[in-house]
Amino acid sequence: MRIIKVSLALLFIIGLLRSIYSLDFALMVGIALLVLLLIFRKRLQRTYDNIEDRFVKNLNNREIEEQRLIAEQAAEKKNQNLAPWDAHLTTFDVAPEAVSIIGKTLMELQWRERVGVNVAMIKRGATSIIPPERDERIYPGDKLFIICTDSQERRMNAILRPDKKIIDSAREVEMKLDQLTIEADSPLVHKSIRESDIKNLAHGLVVGIERNGERYLNPESTWIFEEGDLLWIVGEKKLINTIAE
């Protein structure tokens, strides 16, 4: 078989060269290749055997890897679906508005006693708590890995649902840079920035003051307001105009 393969290869090469060059040149190249094959046949055979062995190993390794992946997927599916109890592993995200559970320990929440579920892991940023202890607290942004049935999953969704009152009371705050002039009858006259309590009244910050044509950027909290001062305030739009009332 090897002789036949080599012969066919040489005939192919000779035929290819014959179509480009003369027959004599093609025969000379063919003979030269045959001589080289005879001289280096052992080295060429070793190279061929190595390539063949590597190919077979790579093929076998690929089949083994595919079988391993199939086994892992089957094991994962088996772990996430615990027949015949219809239990599975479900993840829940703890919203910052879920105030009824935030800061409480698993022992205080009593989910196992009340709902019948088990917290298998808590993912907190790059940290994984496996398994969490009874005194482990729940914090905003935690991802909970819980083993539960379909009905228990619905109950956990209801428990972890953000507080509706907080969501309803939330309002969109519009911030702006606005100016305010201190009038003679303003309650801010002769008060310092700290005493004016602008930070709380307007949810804002005095970033600049203009007085007698001079501008002062980022004034200290001890700055005393005077009549005619022009204040530049970054704060909540609806509250800025109520400061001097």
C-alpha atoms as a PDB file:
ATOM      1  CA  MET A   1       0.000   0.000   0.000  1.00  0.00           C
ATOM      2  CA  ARG A   2       2.798   2.418   0.803  1.00  0.00           C
ATOM      3  CA  ILE A   3       4.537   1.660  -2.515  1.00  0.00           C
ATOM      4  CA  ILE A   4       1.279   2.291  -4.349  1.00  0.00           C
ATOM      5  CA  LYS A   5       0.741   5.591  -2.493  1.00  0.00           C
ATOM      6  CA  VAL A   6       4.283   6.772  -3.252  1.00  0.00           C
ATOM      7  CA  SER A   7       4.005   5.717  -6.883  1.00  0.00           C
ATOM      8  CA  LEU A   8       0.717   7.556  -7.357  1.00  0.00           C
ATOM      9  CA  ALA A   9       2.165  10.666  -5.707  1.00  0.00           C
ATOM     10  CA  LEU A  10       5.237  10.586  -8.001  1.00  0.00           C
ATOM     11  CA  LEU A  11       3.073  10.075 -11.102  1.00  0.00           C
ATOM     12  CA  PHE A  12       0.908  13.003 -10.080  1.00  0.00           C
ATOM     13  CA  ILE A  13       3.950  15.240  -9.590  1.00  0.00           C
ATOM     14  CA  ILE A  14       5.478  14.121 -12.895  1.00  0.00           C
ATOM     15  CA  GLY A  15       2.208  14.752 -14.706  1.00  0.00           C
ATOM     16  CA  LEU A  16       1.885  18.187 -13.176  1.00  0.00           C
ATOM     17  CA  LEU A  17       5.451  19.136 -14.115  1.00  0.00           C
ATOM     18  CA  ARG A  18       4.960  17.660 -17.608  1.00  0.00           C
ATOM     19  CA  SER A  19       2.113  20.086 -18.225  1.00  0.00           C
ATOM     20  CA  ILE A  20       4.451  22.997 -17.414  1.00  0.00           C
ATOM     21  CA  TYR A  21       7.932  21.826 -18.414  1.00  0.00           C
ATOM     22  CA  SER A  22       9.356  19.142 -20.680  1.00  0.00           C
ATOM     23  CA  LEU A  23       8.982  15.395 -20.106  1.00  0.00           C
ATOM     24  CA  ASP A  24      12.719  14.987 -19.484  1.00  0.00           C
ATOM     25  CA  PHE A  25      12.663  17.627 -16.728  1.00  0.00           C
ATOM     26  CA  ALA A  26       9.600  16.028 -15.125  1.00  0.00           C
ATOM     27  CA  LEU A  27      11.262  12.585 -15.131  1.00  0.00           C
ATOM     28  CA  MET A  28      14.433  14.009 -13.597  1.00  0.00           C
ATOM     29  CA  VAL A  29      12.484  15.620 -10.777  1.00  0.00           C
ATOM     30  CA  GLY A  30      10.556  12.393 -10.222  1.00  0.00           C
ATOM     31  CA  ILE A  31      13.742  10.350 -10.004  1.00  0.00           C
ATOM     32  CA  ALA A  32      15.292  12.889  -7.636  1.00  0.00           C
ATOM     33  CA  LEU A  33      12.258  12.733  -5.367  1.00  0.00           C
ATOM     34  CA  LEU A  34      12.356   8.927  -5.404  1.00  0.00           C
ATOM     35  CA  VAL A  35      16.038   8.940  -4.390  1.00  0.00           C
ATOM     36  CA  LEU A  36      15.303  11.370  -1.547  1.00  0.00           C
ATOM     37  CA  LEU A  37      12.427   9.190  -0.355  1.00  0.00           C
ATOM     38  CA  LEU A  38      14.698   6.138  -0.292  1.00  0.00           C
ATOM     39  CA  ILE A  39      17.406   7.995   1.613  1.00  0.00           C
ATOM     40  CA  PHE A  40      15.118   9.641   4.204  1.00  0.00           C
ATOM     41  CA  ARG A  41      12.396   7.006   4.314  1.00  0.00           C
ATOM     42  CA  LYS A  42      12.941   6.179   7.991  1.00  0.00           C
ATOM     43  CA  ARG A  43      12.845   9.811   9.102  1.00  0.00           C
ATOM     44  CA  LEU A  44       9.804  10.494   6.938  1.00  0.00           C
ATOM     45  CA  GLN A  45       8.085   7.409   8.344  1.00  0.00           C
ATOM     46  CA  ARG A  46       8.717   8.573  11.921  1.00  0.00           C
ATOM     47  CA  THR A  47       7.342  12.014  11.073  1.00  0.00           C
ATOM     48  CA  TYR A  48       4.278  10.467   9.472  1.00  0.00           C
ATOM     49  CA  ASP A  49       3.732   8.183  12.483  1.00  0.00           C
ATOM     50  CA  ASN A  50       3.990  11.138  14.885  1.00  0.00           C
ATOM     51  CA  ILE A  51       1.461  13.152  12.892  1.00  0.00           C
ATOM     52  CA  GLU A  52      -0.897  10.175  12.770  1.00  0.00           C
ATOM     53  CA  ASP A  53      -0.571   9.526  16.513  1.00  0.00           C
ATOM     54  CA  ARG A  54      -1.214  13.191  17.314  1.00  0.00           C
ATOM     55  CA  PHE A  55      -4.285  13.220  15.080  1.00  0.00           C
ATOM     56  CA  VAL A  56      -5.697  10.104  16.739  1.00  0.00           C
ATOM     57  CA  LYS A  57      -5.023  11.489  20.238  1.00  0.00           C
ATOM     58  CA  ASN A  58      -6.680  14.803  19.409  1.00  0.00           C
ATOM     59  CA  LEU A  59      -9.677  12.969  18.009  1.00  0.00           C
ATOM     60  CA  ASN A  60      -9.960  10.796  21.111  1.00  0.00           C
ATOM     61  CA  ASN A  61      -9.518  13.768  23.433  1.00  0.00           C
ATOM     62  CA  ARG A  62     -12.299  15.607  21.619  1.00  0.00           C
ATOM     63  CA  GLU A  63     -14.641  12.650  22.036  1.00  0.00           C
ATOM     64  CA  ILE A  64     -13.729  12.384  25.728  1.00  0.00           C
ATOM     65  CA  GLU A  65     -14.318  16.125  26.245  1.00  0.00           C
ATOM     66  CA  GLU A  66     -17.714  15.913  24.532  1.00  0.00           C
ATOM     67  CA  GLN A  67     -18.685  12.975  26.744  1.00  0.00           C
ATOM     68  CA  ARG A  68     -17.543  14.904  29.830  1.00  0.00           C
ATOM     69  CA  LEU A  69     -19.620  17.946  28.867  1.00  0.00           C
ATOM     70  CA  ILE A  70     -22.662  15.757  28.270  1.00  0.00           C
ATOM     71  CA  ALA A  71     -22.181  14.126  31.688  1.00  0.00           C
ATOM     72  CA  GLU A  72     -21.808  17.512  33.407  1.00  0.00           C
ATOM     73  CA  GLN A  73     -24.929  18.861  31.730  1.00  0.00           C
ATOM     74  CA  ALA A  74     -26.856  15.768  32.753  1.00  0.00           C
ATOM     75  CA  ALA A  75     -25.597  16.090  36.343  1.00  0.00           C
ATOM     76  CA  GLU A  76     -26.463  19.793  36.432  1.00  0.00           C
ATOM     77  CA  LYS A  77     -29.940  19.106  35.103  1.00  0.00           C
ATOM     78  CA  LYS A  78     -30.352  16.366  37.675  1.00  0.00           C
ATOM     79  CA  ASN A  79     -29.236  18.679  40.499  1.00  0.00           C
ATOM     80  CA  GLN A  80     -31.544  21.469  39.389  1.00  0.00           C
ATOM     81  CA  ASN A  81     -34.557  19.191  39.039  1.00  0.00           C
ATOM     82  CA  LEU A  82     -34.877  16.962  42.048  1.00  0.00           C
ATOM     83  CA  ALA A  83     -37.509  14.486  40.926  1.00  0.00           C
ATOM     84  CA  PRO A  84     -39.998  13.446  42.145  1.00  0.00           C
ATOM     85  CA  TRP A  85     -40.378  16.541  44.370  1.00  0.00           C
ATOM     86  CA  ASP A  86     -40.287  18.961  41.393  1.00  0.00           C
ATOM     87  CA  ALA A  87     -37.619  20.982  43.199  1.00  0.00           C
ATOM     88  CA  HIS A  88     -35.103  23.058  41.290  1.00  0.00           C
ATOM     89  CA  LEU A  89     -32.411  25.669  41.856  1.00  0.00           C
ATOM     90  CA  THR A  90     -33.679  29.203  41.281  1.00  0.00           C
ATOM     91  CA  THR A  91     -31.933  32.562  41.650  1.00  0.00           C
ATOM     92  CA  PHE A  92     -33.509  35.642  43.226  1.00  0.00           C
ATOM     93  CA  ASP A  93     -32.120  39.188  43.201  1.00  0.00           C
ATOM     94  CA  VAL A  94     -32.572  41.274  46.364  1.00  0.00           C
ATOM     95  CA  ALA A  95     -33.754  44.762  45.402  1.00  0.00           C
ATOM     96  CA  PRO A  96     -32.780  47.786  47.539  1.00  0.00           C
ATOM     97  CA  GLU A  97     -36.506  48.462  48.060  1.00  0.00           C
ATOM     98  CA  ALA A  98     -37.132  45.048  49.666  1.00  0.00           C
ATOM     99  CA  VAL A  99     -36.947  46.610  53.127  1.00  0.00           C
ATOM    100  CA  SER A 100     -38.895  43.812  54.813  1.00  0.00           C
ATOM    101  CA  ILE A 101     -35.937  41.414  54.496  1.00  0.00           C
ATOM    102  CA  ILE A 102     -32.831  43.602  54.137  1.00  0.00           C
ATOM    103  CA  GLY A 103     -30.528  43.452  57.153  1.00  0.00           C
ATOM    104  CA  LYS A 104     -32.203  40.380  58.632  1.00  0.00           C
ATOM    105  CA  THR A 105     -30.536  37.037  59.211  1.00  0.00           C
ATOM    106  CA  LEU A 106     -31.712  33.776  57.700  1.00  0.00           C
ATOM    107  CA  MET A 107     -32.685  32.671  61.186  1.00  0.00           C
ATOM    108  CA  GLU A 108     -34.885  35.745  61.605  1.00  0.00           C
ATOM    109  CA  LEU A 109     -36.487  35.290  58.186  1.00  0.00           C
ATOM    110  CA  GLN A 110     -37.262  31.578  58.821  1.00  0.00           C
ATOM    111  CA  TRP A 111     -37.778  30.780  55.166  1.00  0.00           C
ATOM    112  CA  ARG A 112     -37.178  27.077  55.729  1.00  0.00           C
ATOM    113  CA  GLU A 113     -39.846  26.937  58.428  1.00  0.00           C
ATOM    114  CA  ARG A 114     -42.339  29.281  56.731  1.00  0.00           C
ATOM    115  CA  VAL A 115     -41.920  28.343  53.064  1.00  0.00           C
ATOM    116  CA  GLY A 116     -39.913  25.105  53.110  1.00  0.00           C
ATOM    117  CA  VAL A 117     -37.009  26.331  50.973  1.00  0.00           C
ATOM    118  CA  ASN A 118     -33.255  26.114  51.448  1.00  0.00           C
ATOM    119  CA  VAL A 119     -30.753  28.863  50.607  1.00  0.00           C
ATOM    120  CA  ALA A 120     -27.881  27.021  48.938  1.00  0.00           C
ATOM    121  CA  MET A 121     -25.683  30.031  48.210  1.00  0.00           C
ATOM    122  CA  ILE A 122     -25.552  33.826  48.476  1.00  0.00           C
ATOM    123  CA  LYS A 123     -23.649  35.635  45.727  1.00  0.00           C
ATOM    124  CA  ARG A 124     -22.466  39.041  46.983  1.00  0.00           C
ATOM    125  CA  GLY A 125     -20.354  40.787  44.366  1.00  0.00           C
ATOM    126  CA  ALA A 126     -17.289  38.629  43.811  1.00  0.00           C
ATOM    127  CA  THR A 127     -17.929  36.691  47.043  1.00  0.00           C
ATOM    128  CA  SER A 128     -19.850  33.423  47.167  1.00  0.00           C
ATOM    129  CA  ILE A 129     -21.149  32.255  50.550  1.00  0.00           C
ATOM    130  CA  ILE A 130     -21.597  28.470  50.389  1.00  0.00           C
ATOM    131  CA  PRO A 131     -23.592  27.437  52.299  1.00  0.00           C
ATOM    132  CA  PRO A 132     -24.738  30.496  54.262  1.00  0.00           C
ATOM    133  CA  GLU A 133     -24.972  30.153  58.043  1.00  0.00           C
ATOM    134  CA  ARG A 134     -28.129  30.921  60.013  1.00  0.00           C
ATOM    135  CA  ASP A 135     -26.724  34.244  61.202  1.00  0.00           C
ATOM    136  CA  GLU A 136     -25.883  35.415  57.643  1.00  0.00           C
ATOM    137  CA  ARG A 137     -27.684  38.678  56.819  1.00  0.00           C
ATOM    138  CA  ILE A 138     -29.346  39.657  53.555  1.00  0.00           C
ATOM    139  CA  TYR A 139     -28.141  42.845  51.859  1.00  0.00           C
ATOM    140  CA  PRO A 140     -29.272  44.841  48.810  1.00  0.00           C
ATOM    141  CA  GLY A 141     -27.867  43.457  45.573  1.00  0.00           C
ATOM    142  CA  ASP A 142     -27.438  39.924  46.929  1.00  0.00           C
ATOM    143  CA  LYS A 143     -28.231  37.073  44.535  1.00  0.00           C
ATOM    144  CA  LEU A 144     -29.862  34.182  46.356  1.00  0.00           C
ATOM    145  CA  PHE A 145     -29.613  30.610  45.065  1.00  0.00           C
ATOM    146  CA  ILE A 146     -32.607  28.795  46.531  1.00  0.00           C
ATOM    147  CA  ILE A 147     -33.814  25.200  46.152  1.00  0.00           C
ATOM    148  CA  CYS A 148     -37.592  25.291  45.823  1.00  0.00           C
ATOM    149  CA  THR A 149     -40.625  23.943  43.985  1.00  0.00           C
ATOM    150  CA  ASP A 150     -42.737  25.965  41.569  1.00  0.00           C
ATOM    151  CA  SER A 151     -45.249  26.928  44.258  1.00  0.00           C
ATOM    152  CA  GLN A 152     -42.461  27.834  46.696  1.00  0.00           C
ATOM    153  CA  GLU A 153     -40.829  29.944  43.980  1.00  0.00           C
ATOM    154  CA  ARG A 154     -44.022  31.977  43.648  1.00  0.00           C
ATOM    155  CA  ARG A 155     -44.127  32.534  47.398  1.00  0.00           C
ATOM    156  CA  MET A 156     -40.482  33.633  47.444  1.00  0.00           C
ATOM    157  CA  ASN A 157     -41.164  36.085  44.618  1.00  0.00           C
ATOM    158  CA  ALA A 158     -43.921  37.598  46.742  1.00  0.00           C
ATOM    159  CA  ILE A 159     -41.655  37.795  49.799  1.00  0.00           C
ATOM    160  CA  LEU A 160     -38.774  39.385  47.867  1.00  0.00           C
ATOM    161  CA  ARG A 161     -40.988  41.839  46.005  1.00  0.00           C
ATOM    162  CA  PRO A 162     -39.928  45.476  46.600  1.00  0.00           C
ATOM    163  CA  ASP A 163     -42.043  47.491  49.031  1.00  0.00           C
ATOM    164  CA  LYS A 164     -44.877  49.042  47.013  1.00  0.00           C
ATOM    165  CA  LYS A 165     -45.095  52.098  49.272  1.00  0.00           C
ATOM    166  CA  ILE A 166     -41.456  52.968  48.617  1.00  0.00           C
ATOM    167  CA  ILE A 167     -41.888  52.591  44.869  1.00  0.00           C
ATOM    168  CA  ASP A 168     -45.079  54.671  44.844  1.00  0.00           C
ATOM    169  CA  SER A 169     -43.496  57.421  46.947  1.00  0.00           C
ATOM    170  CA  ALA A 170     -40.401  57.595  44.763  1.00  0.00           C
ATOM    171  CA  ARG A 171     -40.285  60.711  42.600  1.00  0.00           C
ATOM    172  CA  GLU A 172     -37.997  61.870  39.881  1.00  0.00           C
ATOM    173  CA  VAL A 173     -35.748  64.671  41.112  1.00  0.00           C
ATOM    174  CA  GLU A 174     -34.768  67.366  38.610  1.00  0.00           C
ATOM    175  CA  MET A 175     -31.459  69.012  39.459  1.00  0.00           C
ATOM    176  CA  LYS A 176     -30.386  72.342  38.000  1.00  0.00           C
ATOM    177  CA  LEU A 177     -27.901  75.175  38.369  1.00  0.00           C
ATOM    178  CA  ASP A 178     -29.917  78.276  39.314  1.00  0.00           C
ATOM    179  CA  GLN A 179     -29.224  81.747  40.699  1.00  0.00           C
ATOM    180  CA  LEU A 180     -30.816  83.503  43.636  1.00  0.00           C
ATOM    181  CA  THR A 181     -30.437  87.131  44.722  1.00  0.00           C
ATOM    182  CA  ILE A 182     -30.413  87.964  48.435  1.00  0.00           C
ATOM    183  CA  GLU A 183     -32.996  90.705  49.027  1.00  0.00           C
ATOM    184  CA  ALA A 184     -33.072  93.065  52.034  1.00  0.00           C
ATOM    185  CA  ASP A 185     -35.947  91.159  53.646  1.00  0.00           C
ATOM    186  CA  SER A 186     -34.492  87.732  52.921  1.00  0.00           C
ATOM    187  CA  PRO A 187     -34.149  85.424  55.929  1.00  0.00           C
ATOM    188  CA  LEU A 188     -30.666  84.555  54.644  1.00  0.00           C
ATOM    189  CA  VAL A 189     -29.193  88.027  55.302  1.00  0.00           C
ATOM    190  CA  HIS A 190     -26.323  87.939  57.845  1.00  0.00           C
ATOM    191  CA  LYS A 191     -26.443  84.139  57.977  1.00  0.00           C
ATOM    192  CA  SER A 192     -23.604  81.829  57.034  1.00  0.00           C
ATOM    193  CA  ILE A 193     -23.977  79.098  54.427  1.00  0.00           C
ATOM    194  CA  ARG A 194     -24.014  76.520  57.203  1.00  0.00           C
ATOM    195  CA  GLU A 195     -26.680  78.419  59.176  1.00  0.00           C
ATOM    196  CA  SER A 196     -28.871  78.888  56.085  1.00  0.00           C
ATOM    197  CA  ASP A 197     -29.330  75.096  55.842  1.00  0.00           C
ATOM    198  CA  ILE A 198     -29.527  75.313  52.052  1.00  0.00           C
ATOM    199  CA  LYS A 199     -28.165  71.782  51.859  1.00  0.00           C
ATOM    200  CA  ASN A 200     -31.376  70.413  53.380  1.00  0.00           C
ATOM    201  CA  LEU A 201     -33.845  73.068  52.232  1.00  0.00           C
ATOM    202  CA  ALA A 202     -33.002  72.753  48.538  1.00  0.00           C
ATOM    203  CA  HIS A 203     -31.172  69.429  48.585  1.00  0.00           C
ATOM    204  CA  GLY A 204     -28.426  71.480  47.036  1.00  0.00           C
ATOM    205  CA  LEU A 205     -25.078  73.176  47.302  1.00  0.00           C
ATOM    206  CA  VAL A 206     -23.872  76.795  46.989  1.00  0.00           C
ATOM    207  CA  VAL A 207     -21.212  76.591  44.272  1.00  0.00           C
ATOM    208  CA  GLY A 208     -20.602  80.294  43.687  1.00  0.00           C
ATOM    209  CA  ILE A 209     -21.318  83.814  44.993  1.00  0.00           C
ATOM    210  CA  GLU A 210     -21.123  87.129  43.148  1.00  0.00           C
ATOM    211  CA  ARG A 211     -20.693  90.258  45.323  1.00  0.00           C
ATOM    212  CA  ASN A 212     -19.927  93.768  44.040  1.00  0.00           C
ATOM    213  CA  GLY A 213     -18.780  92.407  40.707  1.00  0.00           C
ATOM    214  CA  GLU A 214     -16.429  89.884  42.327  1.00  0.00           C
ATOM    215  CA  ARG A 215     -17.036  86.178  41.885  1.00  0.00           C
ATOM    216  CA  TYR A 216     -16.144  83.542  44.468  1.00  0.00           C
ATOM    217  CA  LEU A 217     -16.154  79.884  43.477  1.00  0.00           C
ATOM    218  CA  ASN A 218     -16.932  77.169  46.035  1.00  0.00           C
ATOM    219  CA  PRO A 219     -17.219  79.475  49.090  1.00  0.00           C
ATOM    220  CA  GLU A 220     -16.538  78.133  52.570  1.00  0.00           C
ATOM    221  CA  SER A 221     -19.455  77.153  54.799  1.00  0.00           C
ATOM    222  CA  THR A 222     -18.597  80.121  57.065  1.00  0.00           C
ATOM    223  CA  TRP A 223     -19.403  82.651  54.331  1.00  0.00           C
ATOM    224  CA  ILE A 224     -21.889  85.312  55.578  1.00  0.00           C
ATOM    225  CA  PHE A 225     -24.616  86.385  53.168  1.00  0.00           C
ATOM    226  CA  GLU A 226     -25.248  90.079  52.601  1.00  0.00           C
ATOM    227  CA  GLU A 227     -27.939  92.005  50.795  1.00  0.00           C
ATOM    228  CA  GLY A 228     -27.383  91.977  47.042  1.00  0.00           C
ATOM    229  CA  ASP A 229     -25.362  88.760  46.974  1.00  0.00           C
ATOM    230  CA  LEU A 230     -26.044  86.649  43.884  1.00  0.00           C
ATOM    231  CA  LEU A 231     -25.946  82.967  44.749  1.00  0.00           C
ATOM    232  CA  TRP A 232     -25.332  80.138  42.312  1.00  0.00           C
ATOM    233  CA  ILE A 233     -26.957  76.976  43.655  1.00  0.00           C
ATOM    234  CA  VAL A 234     -27.030  73.406  42.358  1.00  0.00           C
ATOM    235  CA  GLY A 235     -30.095  71.738  43.795  1.00  0.00           C
ATOM    236  CA  GLU A 236     -33.605  70.485  43.314  1.00  0.00           C
ATOM    237  CA  LYS A 237     -35.408  72.807  40.951  1.00  0.00           C
ATOM    238  CA  LYS A 238     -38.696  72.944  42.857  1.00  0.00           C
ATOM    239  CA  LEU A 239     -37.021  73.788  46.164  1.00  0.00           C
ATOM    240  CA  ILE A 240     -34.455  76.439  45.177  1.00  0.00           C
ATOM    241  CA  ASN A 241     -37.015  79.247  44.830  1.00  0.00           C
ATOM    242  CA  THR A 242     -38.479  78.534  48.267  1.00  0.00           C
ATOM    243  CA  ILE A 243     -35.212  79.199  50.111  1.00  0.00           C
ATOM    244  CA  ALA A 244     -35.572  82.971  50.384  1.00  0.00           C
ATOM    245  CA  GLU A 245     -39.319  82.957  51.095  1.00  0.00           C
END
